[in-house]
Structure formats: C-alpha cells, structure tokens
PDB file of N, CA and C in Angstrom:
ATOM      1  N   GLN A   1      -7.415 -18.282   2.344  1.00  0.00           N
ATOM      2  CA  GLN A   1      -6.636 -17.630   1.288  1.00  0.00           C
ATOM      3  C   GLN A   1      -7.218 -16.255   0.999  1.00  0.00           C
ATOM      4  N   VAL A   2      -6.342 -15.285   0.795  1.00  0.00           N
ATOM      5  CA  VAL A   2      -6.738 -13.910   0.490  1.00  0.00           C
ATOM      6  C   VAL A   2      -6.170 -13.521  -0.857  1.00  0.00           C
ATOM      7  N   GLN A   3      -7.005 -13.003  -1.723  1.00  0.00           N
ATOM      8  CA  GLN A   3      -6.541 -12.472  -3.004  1.00  0.00           C
ATOM      9  C   GLN A   3      -6.587 -10.946  -2.938  1.00  0.00           C
ATOM     10  N   LEU A   4      -5.515 -10.339  -3.407  1.00  0.00           N
ATOM     11  CA  LEU A   4      -5.385  -8.885  -3.364  1.00  0.00           C
ATOM     12  C   LEU A   4      -5.143  -8.356  -4.767  1.00  0.00           C
ATOM     13  N   VAL A   5      -5.872  -7.314  -5.135  1.00  0.00           N
ATOM     14  CA  VAL A   5      -5.714  -6.715  -6.454  1.00  0.00           C
ATOM     15  C   VAL A   5      -5.554  -5.209  -6.293  1.00  0.00           C
ATOM     16  N   GLU A   6      -4.423  -4.701  -6.732  1.00  0.00           N
ATOM     17  CA  GLU A   6      -4.144  -3.263  -6.637  1.00  0.00           C
ATOM     18  C   GLU A   6      -4.595  -2.539  -7.903  1.00  0.00           C
ATOM     19  N   SER A   7      -4.872  -1.269  -7.739  1.00  0.00           N
ATOM     20  CA  SER A   7      -5.181  -0.399  -8.871  1.00  0.00           C
ATOM     21  C   SER A   7      -4.808   1.026  -8.497  1.00  0.00           C
ATOM     22  N   GLY A   8      -4.758   1.885  -9.510  1.00  0.00           N
ATOM     23  CA  GLY A   8      -4.521   3.295  -9.258  1.00  0.00           C
ATOM     24  C   GLY A   8      -3.127   3.789  -9.554  1.00  0.00           C
ATOM     25  N   GLY A   9      -2.241   2.889  -9.941  1.00  0.00           N
ATOM     26  CA  GLY A   9      -0.900   3.332 -10.282  1.00  0.00           C
ATOM     27  C   GLY A   9      -0.891   4.118 -11.574  1.00  0.00           C
ATOM     28  N   GLY A  10       0.238   4.721 -11.871  1.00  0.00           N
ATOM     29  CA  GLY A  10       0.349   5.483 -13.097  1.00  0.00           C
ATOM     30  C   GLY A  10       1.544   6.406 -13.076  1.00  0.00           C
ATOM     31  N   LEU A  11       1.501   7.372 -13.968  1.00  0.00           N
ATOM     32  CA  LEU A  11       2.586   8.343 -14.114  1.00  0.00           C
ATOM     33  C   LEU A  11       2.164   9.676 -13.517  1.00  0.00           C
ATOM     34  N   VAL A  12       3.034  10.241 -12.707  1.00  0.00           N
ATOM     35  CA  VAL A  12       2.734  11.525 -12.079  1.00  0.00           C
ATOM     36  C   VAL A  12       4.017  12.339 -11.991  1.00  0.00           C
ATOM     37  N   GLN A  13       3.893  13.630 -12.034  1.00  0.00           N
ATOM     38  CA  GLN A  13       5.061  14.496 -11.903  1.00  0.00           C
ATOM     39  C   GLN A  13       5.471  14.609 -10.439  1.00  0.00           C
ATOM     40  N   ALA A  14       6.725  14.896 -10.235  1.00  0.00           N
ATOM     41  CA  ALA A  14       7.219  15.104  -8.875  1.00  0.00           C
ATOM     42  C   ALA A  14       6.380  16.177  -8.182  1.00  0.00           C
ATOM     43  N   GLY A  15       6.036  15.899  -6.938  1.00  0.00           N
ATOM     44  CA  GLY A  15       5.194  16.810  -6.187  1.00  0.00           C
ATOM     45  C   GLY A  15       3.715  16.519  -6.319  1.00  0.00           C
ATOM     46  N   GLY A  16       3.383  15.629  -7.222  1.00  0.00           N
ATOM     47  CA  GLY A  16       1.991  15.287  -7.451  1.00  0.00           C
ATOM     48  C   GLY A  16       1.482  14.220  -6.513  1.00  0.00           C
ATOM     49  N   SER A  17       0.253  13.796  -6.761  1.00  0.00           N
ATOM     50  CA  SER A  17      -0.418  12.833  -5.897  1.00  0.00           C
ATOM     51  C   SER A  17      -0.998  11.684  -6.706  1.00  0.00           C
ATOM     52  N   LEU A  18      -1.090  10.553  -6.033  1.00  0.00           N
ATOM     53  CA  LEU A  18      -1.766   9.383  -6.579  1.00  0.00           C
ATOM     54  C   LEU A  18      -2.480   8.678  -5.438  1.00  0.00           C
ATOM     55  N   ARG A  19      -3.541   7.992  -5.787  1.00  0.00           N
ATOM     56  CA  ARG A  19      -4.261   7.198  -4.793  1.00  0.00           C
ATOM     57  C   ARG A  19      -4.320   5.764  -5.270  1.00  0.00           C
ATOM     58  N   LEU A  20      -3.737   4.874  -4.496  1.00  0.00           N
ATOM     59  CA  LEU A  20      -3.760   3.457  -4.817  1.00  0.00           C
ATOM     60  C   LEU A  20      -4.891   2.783  -4.042  1.00  0.00           C
ATOM     61  N   SER A  21      -5.473   1.795  -4.660  1.00  0.00           N
ATOM     62  CA  SER A  21      -6.522   1.018  -3.998  1.00  0.00           C
ATOM     63  C   SER A  21      -6.166  -0.464  -4.048  1.00  0.00           C
ATOM     64  N   CYS A  22      -6.637  -1.169  -3.053  1.00  0.00           N
ATOM     65  CA  CYS A  22      -6.429  -2.615  -2.986  1.00  0.00           C
ATOM     66  C   CYS A  22      -7.756  -3.263  -2.644  1.00  0.00           C
ATOM     67  N   ALA A  23      -8.204  -4.136  -3.514  1.00  0.00           N
ATOM     68  CA  ALA A  23      -9.450  -4.877  -3.281  1.00  0.00           C
ATOM     69  C   ALA A  23      -9.103  -6.295  -2.869  1.00  0.00           C
ATOM     70  N   ALA A  24      -9.721  -6.724  -1.803  1.00  0.00           N
ATOM     71  CA  ALA A  24      -9.449  -8.058  -1.286  1.00  0.00           C
ATOM     72  C   ALA A  24     -10.637  -8.975  -1.502  1.00  0.00           C
ATOM     73  N   SER A  25     -10.346 -10.215  -1.714  1.00  0.00           N
ATOM     74  CA  SER A  25     -11.400 -11.220  -1.844  1.00  0.00           C
ATOM     75  C   SER A  25     -10.905 -12.527  -1.244  1.00  0.00           C
ATOM     76  N   GLY A  26     -11.811 -13.410  -1.014  1.00  0.00           N
ATOM     77  CA  GLY A  26     -11.456 -14.711  -0.477  1.00  0.00           C
ATOM     78  C   GLY A  26     -11.837 -14.864   0.985  1.00  0.00           C
ATOM     79  N   ARG A  27     -11.524 -13.840   1.769  1.00  0.00           N
ATOM     80  CA  ARG A  27     -11.868 -13.872   3.192  1.00  0.00           C
ATOM     81  C   ARG A  27     -12.218 -12.469   3.645  1.00  0.00           C
ATOM     82  N   THR A  28     -12.814 -12.380   4.788  1.00  0.00           N
ATOM     83  CA  THR A  28     -13.218 -11.082   5.304  1.00  0.00           C
ATOM     84  C   THR A  28     -11.997 -10.253   5.654  1.00  0.00           C
ATOM     85  N   LEU A  29     -11.909  -9.093   5.019  1.00  0.00           N
ATOM     86  CA  LEU A  29     -10.752  -8.233   5.199  1.00  0.00           C
ATOM     87  C   LEU A  29     -10.580  -7.778   6.637  1.00  0.00           C
ATOM     88  N   SER A  30     -11.668  -7.649   7.350  1.00  0.00           N
ATOM     89  CA  SER A  30     -11.598  -7.120   8.708  1.00  0.00           C
ATOM     90  C   SER A  30     -10.811  -8.018   9.645  1.00  0.00           C
ATOM     91  N   ASN A  31     -10.532  -9.242   9.233  1.00  0.00           N
ATOM     92  CA  ASN A  31      -9.755 -10.145  10.072  1.00  0.00           C
ATOM     93  C   ASN A  31      -8.250  -9.992   9.878  1.00  0.00           C
ATOM     94  N   TYR A  32      -7.845  -9.111   8.955  1.00  0.00           N
ATOM     95  CA  TYR A  32      -6.447  -9.025   8.584  1.00  0.00           C
ATOM     96  C   TYR A  32      -5.882  -7.621   8.745  1.00  0.00           C
ATOM     97  N   ALA A  33      -4.643  -7.568   9.191  1.00  0.00           N
ATOM     98  CA  ALA A  33      -3.882  -6.336   9.078  1.00  0.00           C
ATOM     99  C   ALA A  33      -3.479  -6.192   7.612  1.00  0.00           C
ATOM    100  N   MET A  34      -3.371  -4.963   7.158  1.00  0.00           N
ATOM    101  CA  MET A  34      -3.077  -4.709   5.748  1.00  0.00           C
ATOM    102  C   MET A  34      -1.914  -3.735   5.638  1.00  0.00           C
ATOM    103  N   GLY A  35      -1.401  -3.624   4.440  1.00  0.00           N
ATOM    104  CA  GLY A  35      -0.321  -2.663   4.272  1.00  0.00           C
ATOM    105  C   GLY A  35       0.142  -2.573   2.840  1.00  0.00           C
ATOM    106  N   TRP A  36       1.223  -1.819   2.687  1.00  0.00           N
ATOM    107  CA  TRP A  36       1.836  -1.645   1.373  1.00  0.00           C
ATOM    108  C   TRP A  36       3.350  -1.766   1.485  1.00  0.00           C
ATOM    109  N   PHE A  37       3.920  -2.429   0.496  1.00  0.00           N
ATOM    110  CA  PHE A  37       5.350  -2.465   0.282  1.00  0.00           C
ATOM    111  C   PHE A  37       5.606  -1.872  -1.098  1.00  0.00           C
ATOM    112  N   ARG A  38       6.845  -1.577  -1.369  1.00  0.00           N
ATOM    113  CA  ARG A  38       7.211  -1.141  -2.710  1.00  0.00           C
ATOM    114  C   ARG A  38       8.586  -1.652  -3.066  1.00  0.00           C
ATOM    115  N   GLN A  39       8.818  -1.753  -4.361  1.00  0.00           N
ATOM    116  CA  GLN A  39      10.121  -2.183  -4.850  1.00  0.00           C
ATOM    117  C   GLN A  39      10.524  -1.313  -6.019  1.00  0.00           C
ATOM    118  N   ALA A  40      11.587  -0.565  -5.823  1.00  0.00           N
ATOM    119  CA  ALA A  40      12.135   0.278  -6.878  1.00  0.00           C
ATOM    120  C   ALA A  40      13.073  -0.544  -7.744  1.00  0.00           C
ATOM    121  N   PRO A  41      13.312  -0.100  -8.975  1.00  0.00           N
ATOM    122  CA  PRO A  41      14.212  -0.832  -9.868  1.00  0.00           C
ATOM    123  C   PRO A  41      15.587  -1.052  -9.238  1.00  0.00           C
ATOM    124  N   GLY A  42      16.022  -2.286  -9.231  1.00  0.00           N
ATOM    125  CA  GLY A  42      17.346  -2.605  -8.720  1.00  0.00           C
ATOM    126  C   GLY A  42      17.470  -2.600  -7.213  1.00  0.00           C
ATOM    127  N   LYS A  43      16.349  -2.444  -6.517  1.00  0.00           N
ATOM    128  CA  LYS A  43      16.388  -2.395  -5.054  1.00  0.00           C
ATOM    129  C   LYS A  43      15.506  -3.477  -4.452  1.00  0.00           C
ATOM    130  N   GLU A  44      15.716  -3.724  -3.171  1.00  0.00           N
ATOM    131  CA  GLU A  44      14.892  -4.697  -2.482  1.00  0.00           C
ATOM    132  C   GLU A  44      13.525  -4.100  -2.144  1.00  0.00           C
ATOM    133  N   ARG A  45      12.581  -4.988  -1.931  1.00  0.00           N
ATOM    134  CA  ARG A  45      11.283  -4.521  -1.493  1.00  0.00           C
ATOM    135  C   ARG A  45      11.396  -3.879  -0.122  1.00  0.00           C
ATOM    136  N   GLU A  46      10.643  -2.806   0.076  1.00  0.00           N
ATOM    137  CA  GLU A  46      10.696  -2.119   1.356  1.00  0.00           C
ATOM    138  C   GLU A  46       9.291  -1.844   1.880  1.00  0.00           C
ATOM    139  N   PHE A  47       9.192  -1.845   3.191  1.00  0.00           N
ATOM    140  CA  PHE A  47       7.938  -1.554   3.862  1.00  0.00           C
ATOM    141  C   PHE A  47       7.567  -0.093   3.683  1.00  0.00           C
ATOM    142  N   VAL A  48       6.276   0.147   3.453  1.00  0.00           N
ATOM    143  CA  VAL A  48       5.783   1.516   3.325  1.00  0.00           C
ATOM    144  C   VAL A  48       4.859   1.876   4.496  1.00  0.00           C
ATOM    145  N   VAL A  49       3.832   1.051   4.707  1.00  0.00           N
ATOM    146  CA  VAL A  49       2.854   1.387   5.733  1.00  0.00           C
ATOM    147  C   VAL A  49       2.053   0.147   6.091  1.00  0.00           C
ATOM    148  N   ALA A  50       1.551   0.110   7.335  1.00  0.00           N
ATOM    149  CA  ALA A  50       0.676  -0.961   7.793  1.00  0.00           C
ATOM    150  C   ALA A  50      -0.492  -0.363   8.567  1.00  0.00           C
ATOM    151  N   ILE A  51      -1.621  -1.070   8.526  1.00  0.00           N
ATOM    152  CA  ILE A  51      -2.794  -0.645   9.276  1.00  0.00           C
ATOM    153  C   ILE A  51      -3.403  -1.875   9.931  1.00  0.00           C
ATOM    154  N   SER A  52      -3.813  -1.726  11.171  1.00  0.00           N
ATOM    155  CA  SER A  52      -4.383  -2.846  11.905  1.00  0.00           C
ATOM    156  C   SER A  52      -5.750  -3.225  11.343  1.00  0.00           C
ATOM    157  N   TYR A  53      -6.228  -4.396  11.726  1.00  0.00           N
ATOM    158  CA  TYR A  53      -7.480  -4.894  11.147  1.00  0.00           C
ATOM    159  C   TYR A  53      -8.644  -3.980  11.461  1.00  0.00           C
ATOM    160  N   GLY A  54      -8.601  -3.303  12.593  1.00  0.00           N
ATOM    161  CA  GLY A  54      -9.672  -2.378  12.924  1.00  0.00           C
ATOM    162  C   GLY A  54      -9.443  -0.967  12.430  1.00  0.00           C
ATOM    163  N   GLY A  55      -8.238  -0.712  11.942  1.00  0.00           N
ATOM    164  CA  GLY A  55      -7.917   0.609  11.441  1.00  0.00           C
ATOM    165  C   GLY A  55      -7.423   1.575  12.501  1.00  0.00           C
ATOM    166  N   GLY A  56      -7.357   1.143  13.745  1.00  0.00           N
ATOM    167  CA  GLY A  56      -6.995   2.054  14.810  1.00  0.00           C
ATOM    168  C   GLY A  56      -5.508   2.300  14.969  1.00  0.00           C
ATOM    169  N   THR A  57      -4.709   1.444  14.375  1.00  0.00           N
ATOM    170  CA  THR A  57      -3.256   1.576  14.482  1.00  0.00           C
ATOM    171  C   THR A  57      -2.640   1.601  13.097  1.00  0.00           C
ATOM    172  N   THR A  58      -1.780   2.576  12.882  1.00  0.00           N
ATOM    173  CA  THR A  58      -1.046   2.659  11.619  1.00  0.00           C
ATOM    174  C   THR A  58       0.436   2.830  11.915  1.00  0.00           C
ATOM    175  N   VAL A  59       1.246   2.294  11.048  1.00  0.00           N
ATOM    176  CA  VAL A  59       2.697   2.431  11.143  1.00  0.00           C
ATOM    177  C   VAL A  59       3.212   2.823   9.766  1.00  0.00           C
ATOM    178  N   TYR A  60       3.969   3.901   9.719  1.00  0.00           N
ATOM    179  CA  TYR A  60       4.510   4.388   8.461  1.00  0.00           C
ATOM    180  C   TYR A  60       6.033   4.315   8.458  1.00  0.00           C
ATOM    181  N   ALA A  61       6.576   4.044   7.299  1.00  0.00           N
ATOM    182  CA  ALA A  61       8.014   4.198   7.139  1.00  0.00           C
ATOM    183  C   ALA A  61       8.350   5.679   7.305  1.00  0.00           C
ATOM    184  N   ASP A  62       9.497   5.956   7.889  1.00  0.00           N
ATOM    185  CA  ASP A  62       9.879   7.348   8.127  1.00  0.00           C
ATOM    186  C   ASP A  62       9.881   8.174   6.845  1.00  0.00           C
ATOM    187  N   SER A  63      10.238   7.542   5.759  1.00  0.00           N
ATOM    188  CA  SER A  63      10.376   8.260   4.491  1.00  0.00           C
ATOM    189  C   SER A  63       9.050   8.769   3.941  1.00  0.00           C
ATOM    190  N   VAL A  64       7.930   8.234   4.406  1.00  0.00           N
ATOM    191  CA  VAL A  64       6.633   8.640   3.853  1.00  0.00           C
ATOM    192  C   VAL A  64       5.734   9.337   4.875  1.00  0.00           C
ATOM    193  N   LYS A  65       6.183   9.431   6.105  1.00  0.00           N
ATOM    194  CA  LYS A  65       5.379  10.075   7.148  1.00  0.00           C
ATOM    195  C   LYS A  65       5.029  11.502   6.752  1.00  0.00           C
ATOM    196  N   GLY A  66       3.774  11.836   6.943  1.00  0.00           N
ATOM    197  CA  GLY A  66       3.314  13.176   6.637  1.00  0.00           C
ATOM    198  C   GLY A  66       2.909  13.377   5.190  1.00  0.00           C
ATOM    199  N   ARG A  67       3.220  12.415   4.339  1.00  0.00           N
ATOM    200  CA  ARG A  67       2.869  12.541   2.919  1.00  0.00           C
ATOM    201  C   ARG A  67       1.913  11.441   2.451  1.00  0.00           C
ATOM    202  N   PHE A  68       2.036  10.269   3.025  1.00  0.00           N
ATOM    203  CA  PHE A  68       1.180   9.140   2.658  1.00  0.00           C
ATOM    204  C   PHE A  68       0.164   8.899   3.758  1.00  0.00           C
ATOM    205  N   THR A  69      -1.024   8.472   3.343  1.00  0.00           N
ATOM    206  CA  THR A  69      -2.068   8.134   4.307  1.00  0.00           C
ATOM    207  C   THR A  69      -2.758   6.852   3.888  1.00  0.00           C
ATOM    208  N   ILE A  70      -2.809   5.905   4.815  1.00  0.00           N
ATOM    209  CA  ILE A  70      -3.497   4.651   4.546  1.00  0.00           C
ATOM    210  C   ILE A  70      -4.869   4.690   5.202  1.00  0.00           C
ATOM    211  N   SER A  71      -5.836   4.075   4.531  1.00  0.00           N
ATOM    212  CA  SER A  71      -7.175   3.975   5.090  1.00  0.00           C
ATOM    213  C   SER A  71      -7.775   2.649   4.642  1.00  0.00           C
ATOM    214  N   ARG A  72      -8.767   2.198   5.377  1.00  0.00           N
ATOM    215  CA  ARG A  72      -9.404   0.947   5.000  1.00  0.00           C
ATOM    216  C   ARG A  72     -10.903   1.050   5.204  1.00  0.00           C
ATOM    217  N   ASP A  73     -11.607   0.281   4.404  1.00  0.00           N
ATOM    218  CA  ASP A  73     -13.056   0.179   4.515  1.00  0.00           C
ATOM    219  C   ASP A  73     -13.387  -1.301   4.547  1.00  0.00           C
ATOM    220  N   ASN A  74     -13.571  -1.820   5.731  1.00  0.00           N
ATOM    221  CA  ASN A  74     -13.798  -3.258   5.868  1.00  0.00           C
ATOM    222  C   ASN A  74     -15.127  -3.687   5.253  1.00  0.00           C
ATOM    223  N   ALA A  75     -16.079  -2.788   5.221  1.00  0.00           N
ATOM    224  CA  ALA A  75     -17.356  -3.121   4.598  1.00  0.00           C
ATOM    225  C   ALA A  75     -17.202  -3.351   3.104  1.00  0.00           C
ATOM    226  N   LYS A  76     -16.254  -2.639   2.503  1.00  0.00           N
ATOM    227  CA  LYS A  76     -16.001  -2.769   1.069  1.00  0.00           C
ATOM    228  C   LYS A  76     -14.821  -3.678   0.777  1.00  0.00           C
ATOM    229  N   ASN A  77     -14.216  -4.213   1.837  1.00  0.00           N
ATOM    230  CA  ASN A  77     -13.043  -5.086   1.656  1.00  0.00           C
ATOM    231  C   ASN A  77     -11.948  -4.392   0.847  1.00  0.00           C
ATOM    232  N   SER A  78     -11.629  -3.169   1.229  1.00  0.00           N
ATOM    233  CA  SER A  78     -10.643  -2.419   0.466  1.00  0.00           C
ATOM    234  C   SER A  78      -9.746  -1.593   1.371  1.00  0.00           C
ATOM    235  N   VAL A  79      -8.567  -1.326   0.854  1.00  0.00           N
ATOM    236  CA  VAL A  79      -7.584  -0.485   1.513  1.00  0.00           C
ATOM    237  C   VAL A  79      -7.045   0.504   0.491  1.00  0.00           C
ATOM    238  N   ASP A  80      -6.927   1.740   0.887  1.00  0.00           N
ATOM    239  CA  ASP A  80      -6.409   2.770  -0.010  1.00  0.00           C
ATOM    240  C   ASP A  80      -5.118   3.366   0.536  1.00  0.00           C
ATOM    241  N   LEU A  81      -4.319   3.876  -0.365  1.00  0.00           N
ATOM    242  CA  LEU A  81      -3.095   4.586   0.007  1.00  0.00           C
ATOM    243  C   LEU A  81      -3.062   5.899  -0.757  1.00  0.00           C
ATOM    244  N   GLN A  82      -3.236   6.985  -0.046  1.00  0.00           N
ATOM    245  CA  GLN A  82      -3.132   8.317  -0.636  1.00  0.00           C
ATOM    246  C   GLN A  82      -1.689   8.771  -0.540  1.00  0.00           C
ATOM    247  N   MET A  83      -1.105   9.077  -1.679  1.00  0.00           N
ATOM    248  CA  MET A  83       0.295   9.472  -1.724  1.00  0.00           C
ATOM    249  C   MET A  83       0.399  10.893  -2.250  1.00  0.00           C
ATOM    250  N   ASN A  84       0.924  11.777  -1.438  1.00  0.00           N
ATOM    251  CA  ASN A  84       1.094  13.181  -1.815  1.00  0.00           C
ATOM    252  C   ASN A  84       2.569  13.547  -1.864  1.00  0.00           C
ATOM    253  N   SER A  85       2.854  14.625  -2.543  1.00  0.00           N
ATOM    254  CA  SER A  85       4.225  15.144  -2.646  1.00  0.00           C
ATOM    255  C   SER A  85       5.194  14.056  -3.077  1.00  0.00           C
ATOM    256  N   LEU A  86       4.837  13.344  -4.105  1.00  0.00           N
ATOM    257  CA  LEU A  86       5.646  12.216  -4.559  1.00  0.00           C
ATOM    258  C   LEU A  86       6.994  12.683  -5.106  1.00  0.00           C
ATOM    259  N   LYS A  87       7.987  11.821  -4.922  1.00  0.00           N
ATOM    260  CA  LYS A  87       9.359  12.119  -5.345  1.00  0.00           C
ATOM    261  C   LYS A  87       9.781  11.133  -6.424  1.00  0.00           C
ATOM    262  N   PRO A  88      10.673  11.523  -7.305  1.00  0.00           N
ATOM    263  CA  PRO A  88      11.118  10.604  -8.362  1.00  0.00           C
ATOM    264  C   PRO A  88      11.677   9.293  -7.812  1.00  0.00           C
ATOM    265  N   GLU A  89      12.350   9.355  -6.679  1.00  0.00           N
ATOM    266  CA  GLU A  89      12.933   8.139  -6.108  1.00  0.00           C
ATOM    267  C   GLU A  89      11.872   7.182  -5.560  1.00  0.00           C
ATOM    268  N   GLU A  90      10.627   7.612  -5.566  1.00  0.00           N
ATOM    269  CA  GLU A  90       9.552   6.727  -5.124  1.00  0.00           C
ATOM    270  C   GLU A  90       8.916   5.968  -6.291  1.00  0.00           C
ATOM    271  N   THR A  91       9.523   6.100  -7.437  1.00  0.00           N
ATOM    272  CA  THR A  91       9.127   5.266  -8.562  1.00  0.00           C
ATOM    273  C   THR A  91       9.371   3.817  -8.200  1.00  0.00           C
ATOM    274  N   ALA A  92       8.313   3.012  -8.283  1.00  0.00           N
ATOM    275  CA  ALA A  92       8.424   1.627  -7.827  1.00  0.00           C
ATOM    276  C   ALA A  92       7.144   0.878  -8.179  1.00  0.00           C
ATOM    277  N   VAL A  93       7.214  -0.420  -8.008  1.00  0.00           N
ATOM    278  CA  VAL A  93       5.999  -1.230  -8.016  1.00  0.00           C
ATOM    279  C   VAL A  93       5.499  -1.276  -6.577  1.00  0.00           C
ATOM    280  N   TYR A  94       4.249  -0.930  -6.392  1.00  0.00           N
ATOM    281  CA  TYR A  94       3.655  -0.900  -5.058  1.00  0.00           C
ATOM    282  C   TYR A  94       2.764  -2.129  -4.889  1.00  0.00           C
ATOM    283  N   TYR A  95       2.983  -2.825  -3.780  1.00  0.00           N
ATOM    284  CA  TYR A  95       2.284  -4.065  -3.515  1.00  0.00           C
ATOM    285  C   TYR A  95       1.385  -3.925  -2.292  1.00  0.00           C
ATOM    286  N   CYS A  96       0.184  -4.396  -2.427  1.00  0.00           N
ATOM    287  CA  CYS A  96      -0.728  -4.515  -1.289  1.00  0.00           C
ATOM    288  C   CYS A  96      -0.441  -5.841  -0.588  1.00  0.00           C
ATOM    289  N   VAL A  97      -0.438  -5.811   0.728  1.00  0.00           N
ATOM    290  CA  VAL A  97      -0.146  -7.018   1.505  1.00  0.00           C
ATOM    291  C   VAL A  97      -1.160  -7.188   2.618  1.00  0.00           C
ATOM    292  N   ALA A  98      -1.259  -8.405   3.110  1.00  0.00           N
ATOM    293  CA  ALA A  98      -2.172  -8.691   4.209  1.00  0.00           C
ATOM    294  C   ALA A  98      -1.611  -9.820   5.062  1.00  0.00           C
ATOM    295  N   GLY A  99      -1.960  -9.768   6.338  1.00  0.00           N
ATOM    296  CA  GLY A  99      -1.512 -10.816   7.243  1.00  0.00           C
ATOM    297  C   GLY A  99      -2.382 -10.832   8.486  1.00  0.00           C
ATOM    298  N   SER A 100      -2.170 -11.818   9.305  1.00  0.00           N
ATOM    299  CA  SER A 100      -3.028 -11.996  10.477  1.00  0.00           C
ATOM    300  C   SER A 100      -2.777 -10.944  11.550  1.00  0.00           C
ATOM    301  N   ASN A 101      -1.613 -10.295  11.515  1.00  0.00           N
ATOM    302  CA  ASN A 101      -1.354  -9.217  12.466  1.00  0.00           C
ATOM    303  C   ASN A 101      -0.335  -8.250  11.873  1.00  0.00           C
ATOM    304  N   MET A 102      -0.061  -7.175  12.589  1.00  0.00           N
ATOM    305  CA  MET A 102       0.819  -6.118  12.068  1.00  0.00           C
ATOM    306  C   MET A 102       2.235  -6.631  11.808  1.00  0.00           C
ATOM    307  N   ALA A 103       2.641  -7.626  12.530  1.00  0.00           N
ATOM    308  CA  ALA A 103       4.006  -8.135  12.362  1.00  0.00           C
ATOM    309  C   ALA A 103       4.149  -9.050  11.162  1.00  0.00           C
ATOM    310  N   THR A 104       3.044  -9.541  10.661  1.00  0.00           N
ATOM    311  CA  THR A 104       3.093 -10.495   9.542  1.00  0.00           C
ATOM    312  C   THR A 104       2.219 -10.049   8.381  1.00  0.00           C
ATOM    313  N   ILE A 105       2.176  -8.747   8.119  1.00  0.00           N
ATOM    314  CA  ILE A 105       1.295  -8.262   7.047  1.00  0.00           C
ATOM    315  C   ILE A 105       1.757  -8.711   5.680  1.00  0.00           C
ATOM    316  N   ASN A 106       2.999  -9.171   5.556  1.00  0.00           N
ATOM    317  CA  ASN A 106       3.502  -9.563   4.247  1.00  0.00           C
ATOM    318  C   ASN A 106       3.272 -11.031   3.958  1.00  0.00           C
ATOM    319  N   HIS A 107       2.213 -11.588   4.522  1.00  0.00           N
ATOM    320  CA  HIS A 107       1.926 -12.994   4.258  1.00  0.00           C
ATOM    321  C   HIS A 107       1.282 -13.179   2.888  1.00  0.00           C
ATOM    322  N   TYR A 108       0.329 -12.314   2.555  1.00  0.00           N
ATOM    323  CA  TYR A 108      -0.320 -12.365   1.251  1.00  0.00           C
ATOM    324  C   TYR A 108       0.093 -11.127   0.450  1.00  0.00           C
ATOM    325  N   TRP A 109       0.267 -11.325  -0.861  1.00  0.00           N
ATOM    326  CA  TRP A 109       0.722 -10.244  -1.731  1.00  0.00           C
ATOM    327  C   TRP A 109      -0.188 -10.107  -2.942  1.00  0.00           C
ATOM    328  N   GLY A 110      -0.391  -8.860  -3.365  1.00  0.00           N
ATOM    329  CA  GLY A 110      -1.027  -8.606  -4.635  1.00  0.00           C
ATOM    330  C   GLY A 110       0.008  -8.680  -5.749  1.00  0.00           C
ATOM    331  N   GLN A 111      -0.431  -8.440  -6.958  1.00  0.00           N
ATOM    332  CA  GLN A 111       0.479  -8.538  -8.110  1.00  0.00           C
ATOM    333  C   GLN A 111       1.285  -7.260  -8.315  1.00  0.00           C
ATOM    334  N   GLY A 112       0.871  -6.192  -7.649  1.00  0.00           N
ATOM    335  CA  GLY A 112       1.599  -4.927  -7.733  1.00  0.00           C
ATOM    336  C   GLY A 112       1.047  -3.980  -8.773  1.00  0.00           C
ATOM    337  N   THR A 113       1.270  -2.705  -8.541  1.00  0.00           N
ATOM    338  CA  THR A 113       0.881  -1.671  -9.497  1.00  0.00           C
ATOM    339  C   THR A 113       2.031  -0.681  -9.635  1.00  0.00           C
ATOM    340  N   GLN A 114       2.324  -0.299 -10.858  1.00  0.00           N
ATOM    341  CA  GLN A 114       3.476   0.549 -11.123  1.00  0.00           C
ATOM    342  C   GLN A 114       3.150   2.010 -10.839  1.00  0.00           C
ATOM    343  N   VAL A 115       4.022   2.648 -10.107  1.00  0.00           N
ATOM    344  CA  VAL A 115       3.961   4.094  -9.880  1.00  0.00           C
ATOM    345  C   VAL A 115       5.240   4.697 -10.421  1.00  0.00           C
ATOM    346  N   THR A 116       5.101   5.639 -11.327  1.00  0.00           N
ATOM    347  CA  THR A 116       6.258   6.309 -11.915  1.00  0.00           C
ATOM    348  C   THR A 116       6.152   7.802 -11.640  1.00  0.00           C
ATOM    349  N   VAL A 117       7.174   8.338 -11.007  1.00  0.00           N
ATOM    350  CA  VAL A 117       7.210   9.759 -10.673  1.00  0.00           C
ATOM    351  C   VAL A 117       8.287  10.417 -11.518  1.00  0.00           C
ATOM    352  N   SER A 118       7.867  11.307 -12.383  1.00  0.00           N
ATOM    353  CA  SER A 118       8.823  11.972 -13.276  1.00  0.00           C
ATOM    354  C   SER A 118       9.357  13.249 -12.640  1.00  0.00           C
ATOM    355  N   SER A 119      10.591  13.564 -12.974  1.00  0.00           N
ATOM    356  CA  SER A 119      11.216  14.756 -12.387  1.00  0.00           C
ATOM    357  C   SER A 119      11.008  15.974 -13.269  1.00  0.00           C
TER     358      SER A 119
END
C-alpha cells in the first residue's frame, strides 16, 4: 500500500507559478511510476504528467508541455510538479498518483490539493 500526500496548492494569478509536492509513504517510492492528474470543476479528471520509477522517462499532456516540469527524489520519497505560466482554466484539484508502471500510474491516489488561477 502507498500513501500519497500533496502540498503546495494555492491561489496564483494567471501567468504565475506554483510548485506542488507529493510525499509518499508505505513503500519505497523508487518502485513506482508517479504522476499527476487534475480535475476542474464540472469536468472529468484528466492526466497531466507521468514519470517512470527511475525518472528517465516523462510523459506530459499536450496542454502542459513546455510549462510544467515533473521531478522526483527517490531518496526523499517525493515527487514535485513545477507549474509555470498558469492559466485560469487550469484551476483544479491536483492529485498525485502512483502505480507499478507508466500505464497504471493511477492505481494509488492522494487526497488532492487545490490550485486556483485567477484571471
């Protein structure tokens, strides 16, 4: 079992930046692919980014390429998401996820952290 706890959400103006963090416990993070999903009000959850257990492979949703960067520190059992040039439509609850491989990163979920981007 993997427990995930997100932090770093908040209110930011359009064009601004936020850095989300995800702390994992329960099992060694290095054995899991990690990622982020988000859910905007009234919309379905959507994939944002994934990173392989070793950190060598990343996959980004087209909508965030060039603006978001995922990183992980397996020694600290943590994953971060640097978000730049944020847009109002990216207001959402952001969820940290983990899974045994890149195709199943949404097996474990954190409780989510709210990101609000004001226009």
